[in-house]
């Protein structure tokens, strides 16, 4: 993935077989070109174009529980955090 924590060069060194590069389109066209060229040079065979939206989905469960991102602290969420600590 173009958002991975390891480089395409590292993946190419570890995976001698066919490889797919998951490409996320960026506003910076120079960055796009550089990422695709590096994947090509690392002998990736396939490019998968991923198109996401920055809009969250309509999740009925989140509407019911009051979940928001980022979290909003109110009396109900404060009580939930206090009674369900992270382990």
PDB file of N, CA and C in Angstrom:
ATOM      1  N   UNK A   1       0.837  -1.193   0.000  1.00  0.00           N
ATOM      2  CA  UNK A   1       0.000   0.000   0.000  1.00  0.00           C
ATOM      3  C   UNK A   1       0.875   1.248   0.000  1.00  0.00           C
ATOM      4  N   UNK A   2       0.410   2.292  -0.647  1.00  0.00           N
ATOM      5  CA  UNK A   2       1.153   3.551  -0.612  1.00  0.00           C
ATOM      6  C   UNK A   2       1.094   4.181   0.776  1.00  0.00           C
ATOM      7  N   UNK A   3       0.280   3.620   1.679  1.00  0.00           N
ATOM      8  CA  UNK A   3       0.217   4.091   3.065  1.00  0.00           C
ATOM      9  C   UNK A   3       0.877   3.116   4.025  1.00  0.00           C
ATOM     10  N   UNK A   4       1.636   2.150   3.515  1.00  0.00           N
ATOM     11  CA  UNK A   4       2.254   1.120   4.342  1.00  0.00           C
ATOM     12  C   UNK A   4       3.376   1.690   5.201  1.00  0.00           C
ATOM     13  N   UNK A   5       3.749   0.926   6.206  1.00  0.00           N
ATOM     14  CA  UNK A   5       4.848   1.329   7.087  1.00  0.00           C
ATOM     15  C   UNK A   5       6.182   0.754   6.643  1.00  0.00           C
ATOM     16  N   UNK A   6       6.169  -0.047   5.594  1.00  0.00           N
ATOM     17  CA  UNK A   6       7.401  -0.542   4.988  1.00  0.00           C
ATOM     18  C   UNK A   6       7.426  -0.106   3.533  1.00  0.00           C
ATOM     19  N   UNK A   7       8.599  -0.038   2.960  1.00  0.00           N
ATOM     20  CA  UNK A   7       8.728   0.449   1.593  1.00  0.00           C
ATOM     21  C   UNK A   7       8.457  -0.662   0.571  1.00  0.00           C
ATOM     22  N   UNK A   8       8.162  -0.252  -0.637  1.00  0.00           N
ATOM     23  CA  UNK A   8       7.974  -1.235  -1.711  1.00  0.00           C
ATOM     24  C   UNK A   8       9.274  -1.982  -1.969  1.00  0.00           C
ATOM     25  N   UNK A   9      10.382  -1.313  -1.757  1.00  0.00           N
ATOM     26  CA  UNK A   9      11.681  -1.967  -1.940  1.00  0.00           C
ATOM     27  C   UNK A   9      11.885  -3.093  -0.920  1.00  0.00           C
ATOM     28  N   UNK A  10      11.453  -2.859   0.322  1.00  0.00           N
ATOM     29  CA  UNK A  10      11.561  -3.895   1.355  1.00  0.00           C
ATOM     30  C   UNK A  10      10.668  -5.090   1.019  1.00  0.00           C
ATOM     31  N   UNK A  11       9.467  -4.810   0.563  1.00  0.00           N
ATOM     32  CA  UNK A  11       8.545  -5.882   0.180  1.00  0.00           C
ATOM     33  C   UNK A  11       9.118  -6.679  -0.983  1.00  0.00           C
ATOM     34  N   UNK A  12       9.655  -5.985  -1.972  1.00  0.00           N
ATOM     35  CA  UNK A  12      10.226  -6.666  -3.141  1.00  0.00           C
ATOM     36  C   UNK A  12      11.368  -7.585  -2.739  1.00  0.00           C
ATOM     37  N   UNK A  13      12.167  -7.170  -1.758  1.00  0.00           N
ATOM     38  CA  UNK A  13      13.287  -7.994  -1.310  1.00  0.00           C
ATOM     39  C   UNK A  13      12.804  -9.252  -0.578  1.00  0.00           C
ATOM     40  N   UNK A  14      11.641  -9.166   0.074  1.00  0.00           N
ATOM     41  CA  UNK A  14      11.117 -10.290   0.851  1.00  0.00           C
ATOM     42  C   UNK A  14      10.197 -11.206   0.056  1.00  0.00           C
ATOM     43  N   UNK A  15       9.585 -10.687  -1.007  1.00  0.00           N
ATOM     44  CA  UNK A  15       8.576 -11.448  -1.753  1.00  0.00           C
ATOM     45  C   UNK A  15       8.995 -11.585  -3.210  1.00  0.00           C
ATOM     46  N   UNK A  16       9.610 -12.713  -3.572  1.00  0.00           N
ATOM     47  CA  UNK A  16      10.081 -12.870  -4.949  1.00  0.00           C
ATOM     48  C   UNK A  16       8.965 -13.118  -5.963  1.00  0.00           C
ATOM     49  N   UNK A  17       7.780 -13.517  -5.506  1.00  0.00           N
ATOM     50  CA  UNK A  17       6.680 -13.828  -6.414  1.00  0.00           C
ATOM     51  C   UNK A  17       5.936 -12.582  -6.866  1.00  0.00           C
ATOM     52  N   UNK A  18       4.786 -12.782  -7.510  1.00  0.00           N
ATOM     53  CA  UNK A  18       3.973 -11.652  -7.974  1.00  0.00           C
ATOM     54  C   UNK A  18       3.555 -10.753  -6.803  1.00  0.00           C
ATOM     55  N   UNK A  19       3.509  -9.454  -7.071  1.00  0.00           N
ATOM     56  CA  UNK A  19       3.180  -8.477  -6.033  1.00  0.00           C
ATOM     57  C   UNK A  19       2.166  -7.470  -6.551  1.00  0.00           C
ATOM     58  N   UNK A  20       1.266  -7.041  -5.648  1.00  0.00           N
ATOM     59  CA  UNK A  20       0.272  -6.026  -5.986  1.00  0.00           C
ATOM     60  C   UNK A  20       0.524  -4.786  -5.143  1.00  0.00           C
ATOM     61  N   UNK A  21       0.508  -3.628  -5.775  1.00  0.00           N
ATOM     62  CA  UNK A  21       0.688  -2.358  -5.081  1.00  0.00           C
ATOM     63  C   UNK A  21      -0.675  -1.688  -4.947  1.00  0.00           C
ATOM     64  N   UNK A  22      -1.098  -1.430  -3.702  1.00  0.00           N
ATOM     65  CA  UNK A  22      -2.368  -0.747  -3.447  1.00  0.00           C
ATOM     66  C   UNK A  22      -2.087   0.751  -3.433  1.00  0.00           C
ATOM     67  N   UNK A  23      -2.615   1.443  -4.408  1.00  0.00           N
ATOM     68  CA  UNK A  23      -2.307   2.856  -4.620  1.00  0.00           C
ATOM     69  C   UNK A  23      -3.455   3.748  -4.157  1.00  0.00           C
ATOM     70  N   UNK A  24      -3.123   4.689  -3.278  1.00  0.00           N
ATOM     71  CA  UNK A  24      -4.068   5.718  -2.845  1.00  0.00           C
ATOM     72  C   UNK A  24      -3.700   7.008  -3.571  1.00  0.00           C
ATOM     73  N   UNK A  25      -4.615   7.562  -4.311  1.00  0.00           N
ATOM     74  CA  UNK A  25      -4.373   8.791  -5.063  1.00  0.00           C
ATOM     75  C   UNK A  25      -4.235   9.974  -4.107  1.00  0.00           C
ATOM     76  N   UNK A  26      -3.186  10.788  -4.312  1.00  0.00           N
ATOM     77  CA  UNK A  26      -2.935  11.970  -3.495  1.00  0.00           C
ATOM     78  C   UNK A  26      -3.125  13.234  -4.317  1.00  0.00           C
ATOM     79  N   UNK A  27      -3.331  14.334  -3.646  1.00  0.00           N
ATOM     80  CA  UNK A  27      -3.433  15.624  -4.338  1.00  0.00           C
ATOM     81  C   UNK A  27      -2.120  15.989  -5.021  1.00  0.00           C
ATOM     82  N   UNK A  28      -1.012  15.595  -4.411  1.00  0.00           N
ATOM     83  CA  UNK A  28       0.320  15.902  -4.929  1.00  0.00           C
ATOM     84  C   UNK A  28       0.666  14.937  -6.063  1.00  0.00           C
ATOM     85  N   UNK A  29       0.563  15.416  -7.280  1.00  0.00           N
ATOM     86  CA  UNK A  29       0.806  14.548  -8.451  1.00  0.00           C
ATOM     87  C   UNK A  29       2.246  14.065  -8.521  1.00  0.00           C
ATOM     88  N   UNK A  30       3.181  14.875  -8.021  1.00  0.00           N
ATOM     89  CA  UNK A  30       4.580  14.445  -7.979  1.00  0.00           C
ATOM     90  C   UNK A  30       4.763  13.246  -7.067  1.00  0.00           C
ATOM     91  N   UNK A  31       4.063  13.259  -5.936  1.00  0.00           N
ATOM     92  CA  UNK A  31       4.111  12.126  -5.014  1.00  0.00           C
ATOM     93  C   UNK A  31       3.500  10.894  -5.670  1.00  0.00           C
ATOM     94  N   UNK A  32       2.379  11.060  -6.361  1.00  0.00           N
ATOM     95  CA  UNK A  32       1.758   9.948  -7.088  1.00  0.00           C
ATOM     96  C   UNK A  32       2.743   9.333  -8.068  1.00  0.00           C
ATOM     97  N   UNK A  33       3.357  10.177  -8.868  1.00  0.00           N
ATOM     98  CA  UNK A  33       4.310   9.687  -9.875  1.00  0.00           C
ATOM     99  C   UNK A  33       5.471   8.941  -9.229  1.00  0.00           C
ATOM    100  N   UNK A  34       5.997   9.498  -8.135  1.00  0.00           N
ATOM    101  CA  UNK A  34       7.133   8.873  -7.455  1.00  0.00           C
ATOM    102  C   UNK A  34       6.754   7.512  -6.871  1.00  0.00           C
ATOM    103  N   UNK A  35       5.579   7.417  -6.251  1.00  0.00           N
ATOM    104  CA  UNK A  35       5.138   6.148  -5.673  1.00  0.00           C
ATOM    105  C   UNK A  35       4.965   5.079  -6.742  1.00  0.00           C
ATOM    106  N   UNK A  36       4.339   5.454  -7.854  1.00  0.00           N
ATOM    107  CA  UNK A  36       4.120   4.483  -8.928  1.00  0.00           C
ATOM    108  C   UNK A  36       5.429   4.058  -9.583  1.00  0.00           C
ATOM    109  N   UNK A  37       6.352   4.985  -9.744  1.00  0.00           N
ATOM    110  CA  UNK A  37       7.649   4.654 -10.336  1.00  0.00           C
ATOM    111  C   UNK A  37       8.437   3.709  -9.425  1.00  0.00           C
ATOM    112  N   UNK A  38       8.376   3.950  -8.117  1.00  0.00           N
ATOM    113  CA  UNK A  38       9.076   3.062  -7.175  1.00  0.00           C
ATOM    114  C   UNK A  38       8.477   1.661  -7.212  1.00  0.00           C
ATOM    115  N   UNK A  39       7.153   1.556  -7.291  1.00  0.00           N
ATOM    116  CA  UNK A  39       6.509   0.240  -7.379  1.00  0.00           C
ATOM    117  C   UNK A  39       6.902  -0.454  -8.679  1.00  0.00           C
ATOM    118  N   UNK A  40       6.942   0.298  -9.749  1.00  0.00           N
ATOM    119  CA  UNK A  40       7.337  -0.266 -11.049  1.00  0.00           C
ATOM    120  C   UNK A  40       8.788  -0.757 -10.992  1.00  0.00           C
ATOM    121  N   UNK A  41       9.672   0.060 -10.432  1.00  0.00           N
ATOM    122  CA  UNK A  41      11.091  -0.303 -10.336  1.00  0.00           C
ATOM    123  C   UNK A  41      11.298  -1.511  -9.424  1.00  0.00           C
ATOM    124  N   UNK A  42      10.426  -1.680  -8.432  1.00  0.00           N
ATOM    125  CA  UNK A  42      10.515  -2.819  -7.508  1.00  0.00           C
ATOM    126  C   UNK A  42       9.833  -4.062  -8.077  1.00  0.00           C
ATOM    127  N   UNK A  43       9.418  -3.984  -9.327  1.00  0.00           N
ATOM    128  CA  UNK A  43       8.841  -5.119 -10.064  1.00  0.00           C
ATOM    129  C   UNK A  43       7.487  -5.584  -9.504  1.00  0.00           C
ATOM    130  N   UNK A  44       6.673  -4.615  -9.056  1.00  0.00           N
ATOM    131  CA  UNK A  44       5.295  -4.959  -8.685  1.00  0.00           C
ATOM    132  C   UNK A  44       4.528  -5.203  -9.976  1.00  0.00           C
ATOM    133  N   UNK A  45       3.693  -6.245  -9.979  1.00  0.00           N
ATOM    134  CA  UNK A  45       3.015  -6.680 -11.196  1.00  0.00           C
ATOM    135  C   UNK A  45       1.675  -6.017 -11.424  1.00  0.00           C
ATOM    136  N   UNK A  46       1.002  -5.656 -10.337  1.00  0.00           N
ATOM    137  CA  UNK A  46      -0.365  -5.152 -10.424  1.00  0.00           C
ATOM    138  C   UNK A  46      -0.493  -3.911  -9.567  1.00  0.00           C
ATOM    139  N   UNK A  47      -1.296  -2.956 -10.048  1.00  0.00           N
ATOM    140  CA  UNK A  47      -1.605  -1.775  -9.254  1.00  0.00           C
ATOM    141  C   UNK A  47      -3.105  -1.766  -9.014  1.00  0.00           C
ATOM    142  N   UNK A  48      -3.494  -1.697  -7.730  1.00  0.00           N
ATOM    143  CA  UNK A  48      -4.904  -1.602  -7.360  1.00  0.00           C
ATOM    144  C   UNK A  48      -5.161  -0.173  -6.910  1.00  0.00           C
ATOM    145  N   UNK A  49      -6.031   0.511  -7.606  1.00  0.00           N
ATOM    146  CA  UNK A  49      -6.371   1.885  -7.264  1.00  0.00           C
ATOM    147  C   UNK A  49      -7.465   1.874  -6.204  1.00  0.00           C
ATOM    148  N   UNK A  50      -7.182   2.476  -5.063  1.00  0.00           N
ATOM    149  CA  UNK A  50      -8.148   2.536  -3.970  1.00  0.00           C
ATOM    150  C   UNK A  50      -8.713   3.942  -3.894  1.00  0.00           C
ATOM    151  N   UNK A  51     -10.027   4.027  -3.919  1.00  0.00           N
ATOM    152  CA  UNK A  51     -10.703   5.322  -3.854  1.00  0.00           C
ATOM    153  C   UNK A  51     -11.608   5.306  -2.628  1.00  0.00           C
ATOM    154  N   UNK A  52     -11.299   6.139  -1.674  1.00  0.00           N
ATOM    155  CA  UNK A  52     -12.074   6.245  -0.445  1.00  0.00           C
ATOM    156  C   UNK A  52     -12.726   7.611  -0.373  1.00  0.00           C
ATOM    157  N   UNK A  53     -13.636   7.731   0.545  1.00  0.00           N
ATOM    158  CA  UNK A  53     -14.264   9.014   0.802  1.00  0.00           C
ATOM    159  C   UNK A  53     -13.966   9.414   2.238  1.00  0.00           C
ATOM    160  N   UNK A  54     -13.864  10.710   2.501  1.00  0.00           N
ATOM    161  CA  UNK A  54     -13.574  11.157   3.852  1.00  0.00           C
ATOM    162  C   UNK A  54     -14.828  11.268   4.695  1.00  0.00           C
ATOM    163  N   UNK A  55     -15.960  10.920   4.119  1.00  0.00           N
ATOM    164  CA  UNK A  55     -17.227  10.981   4.843  1.00  0.00           C
ATOM    165  C   UNK A  55     -17.488   9.650   5.520  1.00  0.00           C
ATOM    166  N   UNK A  56     -17.809   9.696   6.805  1.00  0.00           N
ATOM    167  CA  UNK A  56     -18.125   8.471   7.527  1.00  0.00           C
ATOM    168  C   UNK A  56     -19.454   7.903   7.077  1.00  0.00           C
ATOM    169  N   UNK A  57     -19.605   6.615   7.243  1.00  0.00           N
ATOM    170  CA  UNK A  57     -20.840   5.952   6.860  1.00  0.00           C
ATOM    171  C   UNK A  57     -21.938   6.184   7.890  1.00  0.00           C
ATOM    172  N   UNK A  58     -23.160   5.874   7.489  1.00  0.00           N
ATOM    173  CA  UNK A  58     -24.314   5.972   8.377  1.00  0.00           C
ATOM    174  C   UNK A  58     -24.432   4.662   9.140  1.00  0.00           C
ATOM    175  N   UNK A  59     -23.888   4.640  10.337  1.00  0.00           N
ATOM    176  CA  UNK A  59     -23.905   3.423  11.150  1.00  0.00           C
ATOM    177  C   UNK A  59     -24.964   3.572  12.232  1.00  0.00           C
ATOM    178  N   UNK A  60     -26.009   2.788  12.105  1.00  0.00           N
ATOM    179  CA  UNK A  60     -27.129   2.863  13.044  1.00  0.00           C
ATOM    180  C   UNK A  60     -26.674   2.619  14.481  1.00  0.00           C
ATOM    181  N   UNK A  61     -25.753   1.682  14.658  1.00  0.00           N
ATOM    182  CA  UNK A  61     -25.254   1.387  16.003  1.00  0.00           C
ATOM    183  C   UNK A  61     -24.599   2.621  16.618  1.00  0.00           C
ATOM    184  N   UNK A  62     -23.812   3.350  15.818  1.00  0.00           N
ATOM    185  CA  UNK A  62     -23.148   4.547  16.332  1.00  0.00           C
ATOM    186  C   UNK A  62     -24.154   5.637  16.671  1.00  0.00           C
ATOM    187  N   UNK A  63     -25.201   5.748  15.864  1.00  0.00           N
ATOM    188  CA  UNK A  63     -26.248   6.718  16.175  1.00  0.00           C
ATOM    189  C   UNK A  63     -26.948   6.364  17.483  1.00  0.00           C
ATOM    190  N   UNK A  64     -27.180   5.075  17.671  1.00  0.00           N
ATOM    191  CA  UNK A  64     -27.858   4.601  18.877  1.00  0.00           C
ATOM    192  C   UNK A  64     -26.997   4.779  20.129  1.00  0.00           C
ATOM    193  N   UNK A  65     -25.692   4.507  20.009  1.00  0.00           N
ATOM    194  CA  UNK A  65     -24.816   4.580  21.182  1.00  0.00           C
ATOM    195  C   UNK A  65     -24.230   5.971  21.402  1.00  0.00           C
ATOM    196  N   UNK A  66     -24.380   6.856  20.407  1.00  0.00           N
ATOM    197  CA  UNK A  66     -23.826   8.204  20.548  1.00  0.00           C
ATOM    198  C   UNK A  66     -22.355   8.303  20.186  1.00  0.00           C
ATOM    199  N   UNK A  67     -21.814   7.266  19.543  1.00  0.00           N
ATOM    200  CA  UNK A  67     -20.406   7.281  19.149  1.00  0.00           C
ATOM    201  C   UNK A  67     -20.168   8.340  18.085  1.00  0.00           C
ATOM    202  N   UNK A  68     -19.112   9.127  18.260  1.00  0.00           N
ATOM    203  CA  UNK A  68     -18.699  10.109  17.256  1.00  0.00           C
ATOM    204  C   UNK A  68     -17.189  10.029  17.077  1.00  0.00           C
ATOM    205  N   UNK A  69     -16.718  10.498  15.962  1.00  0.00           N
ATOM    206  CA  UNK A  69     -15.288  10.557  15.699  1.00  0.00           C
ATOM    207  C   UNK A  69     -14.954  11.947  15.175  1.00  0.00           C
ATOM    208  N   UNK A  70     -14.164  12.704  15.925  1.00  0.00           N
ATOM    209  CA  UNK A  70     -13.543  12.342  17.195  1.00  0.00           C
ATOM    210  C   UNK A  70     -14.579  12.262  18.307  1.00  0.00           C
ATOM    211  N   UNK A  71     -14.234  11.525  19.388  1.00  0.00           N
ATOM    212  CA  UNK A  71     -15.191  11.369  20.483  1.00  0.00           C
ATOM    213  C   UNK A  71     -15.565  12.707  21.127  1.00  0.00           C
ATOM    214  N   UNK A  72     -16.826  12.827  21.484  1.00  0.00           N
ATOM    215  CA  UNK A  72     -17.304  14.013  22.197  1.00  0.00           C
ATOM    216  C   UNK A  72     -17.584  13.599  23.641  1.00  0.00           C
ATOM    217  N   UNK A  73     -17.033  14.353  24.564  1.00  0.00           N
ATOM    218  CA  UNK A  73     -17.227  14.029  25.965  1.00  0.00           C
ATOM    219  C   UNK A  73     -18.488  14.706  26.475  1.00  0.00           C
ATOM    220  N   UNK A  74     -19.421  13.884  26.903  1.00  0.00           N
ATOM    221  CA  UNK A  74     -20.633  14.382  27.554  1.00  0.00           C
ATOM    222  C   UNK A  74     -20.881  13.477  28.767  1.00  0.00           C
ATOM    223  N   UNK A  75     -21.936  13.698  29.483  1.00  0.00           N
ATOM    224  CA  UNK A  75     -22.195  12.929  30.699  1.00  0.00           C
ATOM    225  C   UNK A  75     -22.279  11.425  30.402  1.00  0.00           C
ATOM    226  N   UNK A  76     -22.986  11.069  29.339  1.00  0.00           N
ATOM    227  CA  UNK A  76     -23.140   9.656  28.997  1.00  0.00           C
ATOM    228  C   UNK A  76     -21.801   9.020  28.608  1.00  0.00           C
ATOM    229  N   UNK A  77     -21.015   9.701  27.762  1.00  0.00           N
ATOM    230  CA  UNK A  77     -19.739   9.117  27.351  1.00  0.00           C
ATOM    231  C   UNK A  77     -18.744   9.095  28.508  1.00  0.00           C
ATOM    232  N   UNK A  78     -18.749  10.117  29.371  1.00  0.00           N
ATOM    233  CA  UNK A  78     -17.864  10.128  30.532  1.00  0.00           C
ATOM    234  C   UNK A  78     -18.178   8.937  31.443  1.00  0.00           C
ATOM    235  N   UNK A  79     -19.463   8.661  31.665  1.00  0.00           N
ATOM    236  CA  UNK A  79     -19.869   7.522  32.479  1.00  0.00           C
ATOM    237  C   UNK A  79     -19.417   6.217  31.824  1.00  0.00           C
ATOM    238  N   UNK A  80     -19.573   6.120  30.518  1.00  0.00           N
ATOM    239  CA  UNK A  80     -19.159   4.916  29.802  1.00  0.00           C
ATOM    240  C   UNK A  80     -17.646   4.713  29.914  1.00  0.00           C
ATOM    241  N   UNK A  81     -16.862   5.782  29.739  1.00  0.00           N
ATOM    242  CA  UNK A  81     -15.399   5.670  29.875  1.00  0.00           C
ATOM    243  C   UNK A  81     -15.032   5.250  31.293  1.00  0.00           C
ATOM    244  N   UNK A  82     -15.695   5.806  32.293  1.00  0.00           N
ATOM    245  CA  UNK A  82     -15.374   5.501  33.686  1.00  0.00           C
ATOM    246  C   UNK A  82     -15.723   4.063  34.055  1.00  0.00           C
ATOM    247  N   UNK A  83     -16.802   3.547  33.508  1.00  0.00           N
ATOM    248  CA  UNK A  83     -17.246   2.194  33.872  1.00  0.00           C
ATOM    249  C   UNK A  83     -16.704   1.096  32.964  1.00  0.00           C
ATOM    250  N   UNK A  84     -16.048   1.472  31.866  1.00  0.00           N
ATOM    251  CA  UNK A  84     -15.463   0.497  30.941  1.00  0.00           C
ATOM    252  C   UNK A  84     -14.025   0.901  30.618  1.00  0.00           C
ATOM    253  N   UNK A  85     -13.110   0.805  31.576  1.00  0.00           N
ATOM    254  CA  UNK A  85     -11.727   1.222  31.311  1.00  0.00           C
ATOM    255  C   UNK A  85     -11.054   0.318  30.286  1.00  0.00           C
ATOM    256  N   UNK A  86     -10.123   0.899  29.531  1.00  0.00           N
ATOM    257  CA  UNK A  86      -9.360   0.107  28.558  1.00  0.00           C
ATOM    258  C   UNK A  86      -8.381  -0.767  29.304  1.00  0.00           C
ATOM    259  N   UNK A  87      -8.253  -1.987  28.863  1.00  0.00           N
ATOM    260  CA  UNK A  87      -7.329  -2.917  29.514  1.00  0.00           C
ATOM    261  C   UNK A  87      -6.049  -3.023  28.747  1.00  0.00           C
TER     262      UNK A  87
END
